[in-house]
Amino acid sequence: MLRISKQVNIPTSEIDLKAVRSTGAGGQNVNKVATAIHLRFDIRASSLPERYKYKLLNLSDSRITTDGVVVIKAQQFRTQQQNREDALKRLKDLIKSVSTPKKKRLATKPTKGARKRRLDNKAKRGQLKSLRKKVDYD
């Protein structure tokens, strides 16, 4: 059971964990031992609340396929157990990221002093550029 929050839990039967061989450097051990973990989690077939499913499916994340399956490959650690925990933690973080509502942006205005400084700088810059013109001696 993967606990997301007090109300939301995911049964382990809905998460498909598969041990595979890691890629990259690692000597002879990398070719023999399956320490990396492929995690697959079908969002549509899960027991998540509908609002979580909706937000996850609309998320533009490369880990979520067009079919609505979350695919996470964990191979950072040398042991299978550590990689399994890492993959589950990353899935939990992904689901938690859609559970918190985004802060609404408050529109702000520049202060009177900031507007005055901006216009002064523009006038000064314009004057500097006008001094670079060719001088007409007539």
N, C-alpha and C. Protein backbone atom coordinates (compact mmCIF):
# COMPACT_ATOMS: atom_id res chain seq x y z
N MET A 1 0.85 -1.18 0.00
CA MET A 1 0.00 0.00 0.00
C MET A 1 0.89 1.24 0.00
N LEU A 2 0.73 2.06 -1.03
CA LEU A 2 1.48 3.32 -1.14
C LEU A 2 0.59 4.43 -0.62
N ARG A 3 1.02 5.09 0.45
CA ARG A 3 0.23 6.13 1.09
C ARG A 3 0.61 7.48 0.49
N ILE A 4 -0.36 8.14 -0.16
CA ILE A 4 -0.15 9.45 -0.76
C ILE A 4 -0.49 10.54 0.25
N SER A 5 -1.65 10.42 0.86
CA SER A 5 -2.08 11.35 1.91
C SER A 5 -2.94 10.56 2.90
N LYS A 6 -3.56 11.27 3.84
CA LYS A 6 -4.39 10.59 4.83
C LYS A 6 -5.59 9.89 4.18
N GLN A 7 -6.12 10.49 3.12
CA GLN A 7 -7.31 9.93 2.48
C GLN A 7 -6.98 9.05 1.27
N VAL A 8 -5.83 9.27 0.64
CA VAL A 8 -5.54 8.60 -0.63
C VAL A 8 -4.43 7.56 -0.45
N ASN A 9 -4.77 6.33 -0.82
CA ASN A 9 -3.81 5.22 -0.81
C ASN A 9 -3.90 4.49 -2.14
N ILE A 10 -2.77 3.93 -2.57
CA ILE A 10 -2.76 3.14 -3.80
C ILE A 10 -2.39 1.71 -3.41
N PRO A 11 -3.25 0.73 -3.73
CA PRO A 11 -2.89 -0.66 -3.46
C PRO A 11 -1.67 -1.08 -4.28
N THR A 12 -0.85 -1.92 -3.72
CA THR A 12 0.37 -2.37 -4.40
C THR A 12 0.04 -3.16 -5.66
N SER A 13 -1.14 -3.74 -5.72
CA SER A 13 -1.53 -4.53 -6.90
C SER A 13 -1.69 -3.66 -8.15
N GLU A 14 -1.90 -2.34 -7.97
CA GLU A 14 -2.07 -1.44 -9.12
C GLU A 14 -0.73 -0.94 -9.66
N ILE A 15 0.35 -1.16 -8.93
CA ILE A 15 1.67 -0.71 -9.34
C ILE A 15 2.46 -1.91 -9.84
N ASP A 16 2.92 -1.84 -11.08
CA ASP A 16 3.69 -2.93 -11.68
C ASP A 16 5.17 -2.59 -11.57
N LEU A 17 5.90 -3.37 -10.75
CA LEU A 17 7.34 -3.18 -10.59
C LEU A 17 8.06 -4.34 -11.24
N LYS A 18 9.04 -4.02 -12.09
CA LYS A 18 9.77 -5.05 -12.81
C LYS A 18 11.26 -4.76 -12.71
N ALA A 19 12.04 -5.75 -12.35
CA ALA A 19 13.49 -5.59 -12.25
C ALA A 19 14.12 -5.82 -13.62
N VAL A 20 14.97 -4.87 -14.04
CA VAL A 20 15.67 -4.97 -15.32
C VAL A 20 17.15 -4.63 -15.09
N ARG A 21 17.95 -4.92 -16.09
CA ARG A 21 19.37 -4.58 -15.98
C ARG A 21 19.58 -3.09 -16.15
N SER A 22 20.49 -2.54 -15.37
CA SER A 22 20.80 -1.11 -15.48
C SER A 22 21.64 -0.86 -16.72
N THR A 23 21.60 0.38 -17.20
CA THR A 23 22.42 0.77 -18.34
C THR A 23 23.62 1.54 -17.84
N GLY A 24 24.57 1.76 -18.71
CA GLY A 24 25.72 2.58 -18.37
C GLY A 24 26.87 1.80 -17.79
N ALA A 25 27.87 2.54 -17.33
CA ALA A 25 29.09 1.93 -16.79
C ALA A 25 28.79 1.23 -15.47
N GLY A 26 29.57 0.21 -15.17
CA GLY A 26 29.38 -0.51 -13.92
C GLY A 26 30.16 -1.81 -13.87
N GLY A 27 30.95 -2.05 -14.89
CA GLY A 27 31.78 -3.26 -14.88
C GLY A 27 30.97 -4.51 -15.18
N GLN A 28 31.48 -5.64 -14.70
CA GLN A 28 30.85 -6.93 -15.00
C GLN A 28 29.50 -7.07 -14.31
N ASN A 29 29.34 -6.44 -13.17
CA ASN A 29 28.12 -6.60 -12.39
C ASN A 29 26.89 -6.10 -13.14
N VAL A 30 27.06 -5.05 -13.95
CA VAL A 30 25.92 -4.44 -14.66
C VAL A 30 25.31 -5.42 -15.66
N ASN A 31 26.09 -6.36 -16.16
CA ASN A 31 25.61 -7.31 -17.15
C ASN A 31 24.94 -8.54 -16.52
N LYS A 32 25.11 -8.73 -15.22
CA LYS A 32 24.62 -9.94 -14.56
C LYS A 32 23.40 -9.70 -13.68
N VAL A 33 23.35 -8.57 -12.99
CA VAL A 33 22.35 -8.37 -11.95
C VAL A 33 21.29 -7.35 -12.40
N ALA A 34 20.03 -7.70 -12.20
CA ALA A 34 18.93 -6.80 -12.54
C ALA A 34 18.62 -5.91 -11.35
N THR A 35 19.29 -4.76 -11.28
CA THR A 35 19.09 -3.87 -10.13
C THR A 35 18.19 -2.69 -10.44
N ALA A 36 18.02 -2.34 -11.70
CA ALA A 36 17.15 -1.22 -12.06
C ALA A 36 15.69 -1.66 -11.94
N ILE A 37 14.81 -0.70 -11.73
CA ILE A 37 13.39 -0.98 -11.57
C ILE A 37 12.58 -0.19 -12.59
N HIS A 38 11.70 -0.88 -13.32
CA HIS A 38 10.73 -0.24 -14.20
C HIS A 38 9.40 -0.23 -13.47
N LEU A 39 8.88 0.97 -13.20
CA LEU A 39 7.59 1.09 -12.53
C LEU A 39 6.57 1.52 -13.57
N ARG A 40 5.44 0.83 -13.61
CA ARG A 40 4.33 1.19 -14.50
C ARG A 40 3.08 1.33 -13.65
N PHE A 41 2.36 2.44 -13.86
CA PHE A 41 1.15 2.71 -13.10
C PHE A 41 0.10 3.26 -14.04
N ASP A 42 -0.98 2.50 -14.23
CA ASP A 42 -2.05 2.91 -15.14
C ASP A 42 -2.99 3.86 -14.38
N ILE A 43 -3.02 5.10 -14.81
CA ILE A 43 -3.82 6.12 -14.12
C ILE A 43 -5.31 5.84 -14.28
N ARG A 44 -5.74 5.50 -15.50
CA ARG A 44 -7.18 5.30 -15.76
C ARG A 44 -7.74 4.11 -14.99
N ALA A 45 -6.95 3.04 -14.85
CA ALA A 45 -7.43 1.83 -14.19
C ALA A 45 -7.19 1.85 -12.68
N SER A 46 -6.64 2.93 -12.17
CA SER A 46 -6.30 2.99 -10.74
C SER A 46 -7.50 3.37 -9.89
N SER A 47 -7.32 3.26 -8.58
CA SER A 47 -8.38 3.61 -7.63
C SER A 47 -8.22 5.03 -7.10
N LEU A 48 -7.45 5.85 -7.81
CA LEU A 48 -7.28 7.25 -7.42
C LEU A 48 -8.60 8.00 -7.58
N PRO A 49 -8.81 9.04 -6.78
CA PRO A 49 -10.01 9.88 -6.98
C PRO A 49 -9.98 10.52 -8.37
N GLU A 50 -11.17 10.81 -8.89
CA GLU A 50 -11.30 11.33 -10.26
C GLU A 50 -10.53 12.62 -10.49
N ARG A 51 -10.50 13.52 -9.48
CA ARG A 51 -9.79 14.79 -9.68
C ARG A 51 -8.29 14.57 -9.83
N TYR A 52 -7.72 13.57 -9.13
CA TYR A 52 -6.31 13.23 -9.28
C TYR A 52 -6.06 12.68 -10.69
N LYS A 53 -6.94 11.78 -11.13
CA LYS A 53 -6.78 11.19 -12.46
C LYS A 53 -6.82 12.27 -13.54
N TYR A 54 -7.80 13.17 -13.43
CA TYR A 54 -7.97 14.24 -14.41
C TYR A 54 -6.72 15.11 -14.48
N LYS A 55 -6.21 15.51 -13.31
CA LYS A 55 -5.03 16.39 -13.28
C LYS A 55 -3.79 15.67 -13.79
N LEU A 56 -3.63 14.40 -13.45
CA LEU A 56 -2.47 13.63 -13.92
C LEU A 56 -2.50 13.44 -15.43
N LEU A 57 -3.69 13.14 -15.96
CA LEU A 57 -3.80 12.91 -17.41
C LEU A 57 -3.59 14.19 -18.21
N ASN A 58 -3.89 15.35 -17.61
CA ASN A 58 -3.68 16.63 -18.30
C ASN A 58 -2.30 17.21 -18.06
N LEU A 59 -1.50 16.54 -17.26
CA LEU A 59 -0.15 17.01 -16.95
C LEU A 59 0.75 16.77 -18.16
N SER A 60 1.57 17.75 -18.51
CA SER A 60 2.50 17.55 -19.62
C SER A 60 3.83 17.08 -19.04
N ASP A 61 3.92 15.79 -18.82
CA ASP A 61 5.09 15.17 -18.22
C ASP A 61 5.53 14.03 -19.13
N SER A 62 6.83 13.96 -19.39
CA SER A 62 7.33 12.93 -20.31
C SER A 62 7.20 11.52 -19.73
N ARG A 63 6.99 11.41 -18.42
CA ARG A 63 6.85 10.09 -17.79
C ARG A 63 5.46 9.50 -17.99
N ILE A 64 4.50 10.32 -18.45
CA ILE A 64 3.14 9.84 -18.65
C ILE A 64 2.91 9.63 -20.14
N THR A 65 2.55 8.40 -20.52
CA THR A 65 2.33 8.08 -21.94
C THR A 65 0.97 8.60 -22.38
N THR A 66 0.72 8.53 -23.69
CA THR A 66 -0.58 8.98 -24.23
C THR A 66 -1.71 8.06 -23.78
N ASP A 67 -1.38 6.83 -23.39
CA ASP A 67 -2.39 5.89 -22.90
C ASP A 67 -2.73 6.13 -21.43
N GLY A 68 -2.02 7.04 -20.78
CA GLY A 68 -2.28 7.33 -19.38
C GLY A 68 -1.55 6.42 -18.43
N VAL A 69 -0.38 5.95 -18.84
CA VAL A 69 0.43 5.07 -17.98
C VAL A 69 1.68 5.83 -17.55
N VAL A 70 1.93 5.85 -16.25
CA VAL A 70 3.14 6.47 -15.73
C VAL A 70 4.26 5.44 -15.80
N VAL A 71 5.37 5.81 -16.43
CA VAL A 71 6.53 4.91 -16.55
C VAL A 71 7.72 5.60 -15.90
N ILE A 72 8.26 4.96 -14.87
CA ILE A 72 9.42 5.50 -14.16
C ILE A 72 10.50 4.43 -14.13
N LYS A 73 11.71 4.81 -14.54
CA LYS A 73 12.84 3.88 -14.47
C LYS A 73 13.80 4.40 -13.41
N ALA A 74 14.03 3.59 -12.38
CA ALA A 74 14.92 3.95 -11.29
C ALA A 74 16.16 3.07 -11.37
N GLN A 75 17.32 3.70 -11.55
CA GLN A 75 18.57 2.93 -11.63
C GLN A 75 19.72 3.69 -10.99
N GLN A 76 19.39 4.59 -10.09
CA GLN A 76 20.40 5.44 -9.47
C GLN A 76 21.27 4.67 -8.47
N PHE A 77 20.67 3.70 -7.80
CA PHE A 77 21.38 3.00 -6.73
C PHE A 77 21.88 1.63 -7.18
N ARG A 78 22.74 1.03 -6.37
CA ARG A 78 23.34 -0.26 -6.72
C ARG A 78 22.46 -1.44 -6.33
N THR A 79 21.52 -1.24 -5.42
CA THR A 79 20.68 -2.36 -5.00
C THR A 79 19.26 -2.20 -5.54
N GLN A 80 18.64 -3.34 -5.75
CA GLN A 80 17.28 -3.36 -6.28
C GLN A 80 16.30 -2.74 -5.29
N GLN A 81 16.49 -3.00 -4.01
CA GLN A 81 15.58 -2.47 -2.98
C GLN A 81 15.61 -0.94 -2.93
N GLN A 82 16.80 -0.36 -3.00
CA GLN A 82 16.90 1.10 -2.99
C GLN A 82 16.25 1.71 -4.23
N ASN A 83 16.43 1.07 -5.38
CA ASN A 83 15.82 1.55 -6.62
C ASN A 83 14.30 1.41 -6.57
N ARG A 84 13.80 0.34 -5.94
CA ARG A 84 12.35 0.15 -5.79
C ARG A 84 11.78 1.29 -4.93
N GLU A 85 12.43 1.60 -3.82
CA GLU A 85 11.98 2.68 -2.94
C GLU A 85 12.04 4.02 -3.66
N ASP A 86 13.08 4.23 -4.45
CA ASP A 86 13.23 5.48 -5.21
C ASP A 86 12.11 5.63 -6.23
N ALA A 87 11.78 4.56 -6.93
CA ALA A 87 10.72 4.60 -7.94
C ALA A 87 9.37 4.90 -7.29
N LEU A 88 9.09 4.26 -6.16
CA LEU A 88 7.83 4.50 -5.46
C LEU A 88 7.76 5.92 -4.92
N LYS A 89 8.89 6.44 -4.44
CA LYS A 89 8.92 7.81 -3.93
C LYS A 89 8.67 8.81 -5.06
N ARG A 90 9.25 8.55 -6.24
CA ARG A 90 9.04 9.43 -7.38
C ARG A 90 7.59 9.40 -7.86
N LEU A 91 6.95 8.24 -7.82
CA LEU A 91 5.53 8.14 -8.16
C LEU A 91 4.69 8.93 -7.16
N LYS A 92 5.02 8.76 -5.89
CA LYS A 92 4.30 9.47 -4.83
C LYS A 92 4.44 10.99 -5.00
N ASP A 93 5.66 11.45 -5.30
CA ASP A 93 5.90 12.89 -5.51
C ASP A 93 5.11 13.41 -6.71
N LEU A 94 5.03 12.62 -7.78
CA LEU A 94 4.28 13.01 -8.97
C LEU A 94 2.80 13.19 -8.64
N ILE A 95 2.24 12.24 -7.90
CA ILE A 95 0.82 12.32 -7.55
C ILE A 95 0.57 13.45 -6.57
N LYS A 96 1.49 13.66 -5.63
CA LYS A 96 1.34 14.75 -4.66
C LYS A 96 1.41 16.11 -5.35
N SER A 97 2.18 16.21 -6.43
CA SER A 97 2.34 17.50 -7.11
C SER A 97 1.03 17.99 -7.71
N VAL A 98 0.13 17.08 -8.09
CA VAL A 98 -1.16 17.51 -8.63
C VAL A 98 -2.21 17.68 -7.54
N SER A 99 -1.93 17.20 -6.33
CA SER A 99 -2.92 17.30 -5.26
C SER A 99 -2.95 18.68 -4.62
N THR A 100 -1.81 19.39 -4.66
CA THR A 100 -1.78 20.72 -4.06
C THR A 100 -2.26 21.75 -5.08
N PRO A 101 -3.22 22.60 -4.69
CA PRO A 101 -3.70 23.61 -5.63
C PRO A 101 -2.63 24.68 -5.87
N LYS A 102 -2.58 25.16 -7.11
CA LYS A 102 -1.61 26.19 -7.47
C LYS A 102 -2.05 27.53 -6.87
N LYS A 103 -1.06 28.33 -6.45
CA LYS A 103 -1.35 29.65 -5.90
C LYS A 103 -1.82 30.56 -7.02
N LYS A 104 -2.87 31.31 -6.76
CA LYS A 104 -3.37 32.25 -7.74
C LYS A 104 -2.47 33.48 -7.75
N ARG A 105 -2.09 33.91 -8.94
CA ARG A 105 -1.19 35.06 -9.07
C ARG A 105 -1.96 36.35 -8.85
N LEU A 106 -1.40 37.21 -8.01
CA LEU A 106 -2.00 38.52 -7.77
C LEU A 106 -1.37 39.54 -8.71
N ALA A 107 -2.21 40.26 -9.44
CA ALA A 107 -1.70 41.27 -10.36
C ALA A 107 -1.17 42.45 -9.56
N THR A 108 0.01 42.94 -9.90
CA THR A 108 0.61 44.07 -9.20
C THR A 108 0.90 45.19 -10.18
N LYS A 109 0.98 46.40 -9.66
CA LYS A 109 1.29 47.56 -10.49
C LYS A 109 2.63 48.12 -10.07
N PRO A 110 3.39 48.71 -11.01
CA PRO A 110 4.62 49.37 -10.62
C PRO A 110 4.31 50.61 -9.77
N THR A 111 5.17 50.92 -8.83
CA THR A 111 4.95 52.09 -7.98
C THR A 111 5.16 53.37 -8.78
N LYS A 112 4.72 54.47 -8.21
CA LYS A 112 4.86 55.77 -8.87
C LYS A 112 6.34 56.10 -9.07
N GLY A 113 7.15 55.82 -8.05
CA GLY A 113 8.59 56.07 -8.15
C GLY A 113 9.26 55.24 -9.22
N ALA A 114 8.83 53.97 -9.34
CA ALA A 114 9.41 53.08 -10.36
C ALA A 114 9.07 53.57 -11.76
N ARG A 115 7.82 54.05 -11.94
CA ARG A 115 7.42 54.59 -13.25
C ARG A 115 8.25 55.82 -13.60
N LYS A 116 8.47 56.70 -12.60
CA LYS A 116 9.24 57.93 -12.83
C LYS A 116 10.69 57.58 -13.18
N ARG A 117 11.30 56.64 -12.46
CA ARG A 117 12.69 56.22 -12.74
C ARG A 117 12.80 55.64 -14.15
N ARG A 118 11.81 54.84 -14.55
CA ARG A 118 11.83 54.23 -15.87
C ARG A 118 11.77 55.31 -16.96
N LEU A 119 10.88 56.28 -16.80
CA LEU A 119 10.76 57.34 -17.81
C LEU A 119 12.01 58.23 -17.83
N ASP A 120 12.62 58.48 -16.65
CA ASP A 120 13.86 59.26 -16.60
C ASP A 120 14.98 58.53 -17.33
N ASN A 121 15.09 57.22 -17.11
CA ASN A 121 16.13 56.43 -17.78
C ASN A 121 15.92 56.41 -19.29
N LYS A 122 14.65 56.32 -19.72
CA LYS A 122 14.36 56.34 -21.15
C LYS A 122 14.76 57.68 -21.77
N ALA A 123 14.48 58.78 -21.06
CA ALA A 123 14.81 60.11 -21.57
C ALA A 123 16.33 60.28 -21.66
N LYS A 124 17.01 59.80 -20.62
CA LYS A 124 18.48 59.91 -20.59
C LYS A 124 19.11 59.09 -21.72
N ARG A 125 18.58 57.89 -21.94
CA ARG A 125 19.10 57.01 -22.98
C ARG A 125 18.85 57.62 -24.37
N GLY A 126 17.68 58.20 -24.55
CA GLY A 126 17.34 58.85 -25.83
C GLY A 126 18.26 60.03 -26.11
N GLN A 127 18.56 60.80 -25.07
CA GLN A 127 19.46 61.95 -25.23
C GLN A 127 20.86 61.48 -25.60
N LEU A 128 21.32 60.40 -24.96
CA LEU A 128 22.64 59.85 -25.24
C LEU A 128 22.73 59.40 -26.70
N LYS A 129 21.67 58.77 -27.19
CA LYS A 129 21.66 58.29 -28.58
C LYS A 129 21.60 59.46 -29.56
N SER A 130 20.89 60.52 -29.19
CA SER A 130 20.80 61.67 -30.10
C SER A 130 22.16 62.37 -30.23
N LEU A 131 23.02 62.26 -29.20
CA LEU A 131 24.35 62.85 -29.25
C LEU A 131 25.30 62.09 -30.18
N ARG A 132 24.92 60.84 -30.55
CA ARG A 132 25.77 60.03 -31.42
C ARG A 132 25.54 60.34 -32.90
N LYS A 133 24.53 61.14 -33.21
CA LYS A 133 24.21 61.43 -34.61
C LYS A 133 25.33 62.24 -35.26
N LYS A 134 25.31 62.21 -36.58
CA LYS A 134 26.28 63.03 -37.33
C LYS A 134 25.97 64.49 -37.12
N VAL A 135 27.01 65.27 -37.01
CA VAL A 135 26.84 66.70 -36.80
C VAL A 135 26.71 67.38 -38.14
N ASP A 136 25.67 68.20 -38.27
CA ASP A 136 25.45 68.94 -39.51
C ASP A 136 26.00 70.35 -39.31
N TYR A 137 27.03 70.73 -40.07
CA TYR A 137 27.72 72.01 -39.88
C TYR A 137 27.05 73.17 -40.62
N ASP A 138 26.00 72.98 -41.34
CA ASP A 138 25.35 74.06 -42.09
C ASP A 138 24.50 74.92 -41.22
